Structures are given as C-alpha cells and as structure tokens.
Amino acid sequence: MTGPRGRVLRFLAGTILSGLAALAMGADQRAYHVHVNGLACPFCAYGLERSLGNVDDVESVSVNLKTGLIEISVSDGATLDEATVREAVMDAGFTVEAFEPATRMDQQGDDT
C-alpha cells in the first residue's frame, strides 16, 4: 500500500515487531530476590547496590528500603551463585536473610 494509509500500517507493523523483539530479549533475563537485615537509610541501599553491581553478570540492582528486598537482574543465560551474593552483601555490612530466584510473575509485575 502507498499513501498515508500505507505509511500508518507500516509504522504500526514496525512498532509491533519492535515490541515483540524487546519482549523476546527480556524473556531470558533472570532475576533473584534477596532479603537483607538492617537496611535503614538510602546510603545503606547505595552501598549494597555498588557491592552487588560489581558481581559478574549483574545488570541491575534494585533495593527497597521499606521491605529489605533487593531484586538483582543478571545477563541473559547467566545464573547467580548464592555464596557470591552472600559475600557481596556481607562486604557491604549486611546479612542475607533469604535468597531465591524471582518467579516469572515477580519479574513481570513486581513494583518493589
């Protein structure tokens, strides 16, 4: 198709395909939840983010001060070793209460 209608259809098709590609790339990303004792201030969260961000294959770290929950996202195909996480958390001055892979639902809809 040519003309304005054809351009709109091509734009919509490109937008949909781009969205599907982004979903496919994010589908393999793994996340882990770590519960930490003793978080009290933003400076504490910053120290944990830095320490965990230096771990190999970690792409992002999100700390929730209220709940003590840390979500760690790793590179596609990578896994995260609990002992490594415990060491990084301990180096930042905290103690791991729990370590668990995030479920698919957690990764899609958790706002922590």
Foldseek 3Di string as FASTA:
>chain_A
DDDPVVVVVVVVVVVVVVVVVVCVQVVQKWKKKWAWPDQDDPVLVVLLFVLVVPDPQWDGWDADSVRSIIMTIGHGPDDDDPVSSQVSNVVSPIGTPDMGIDDPCCVPDPPD
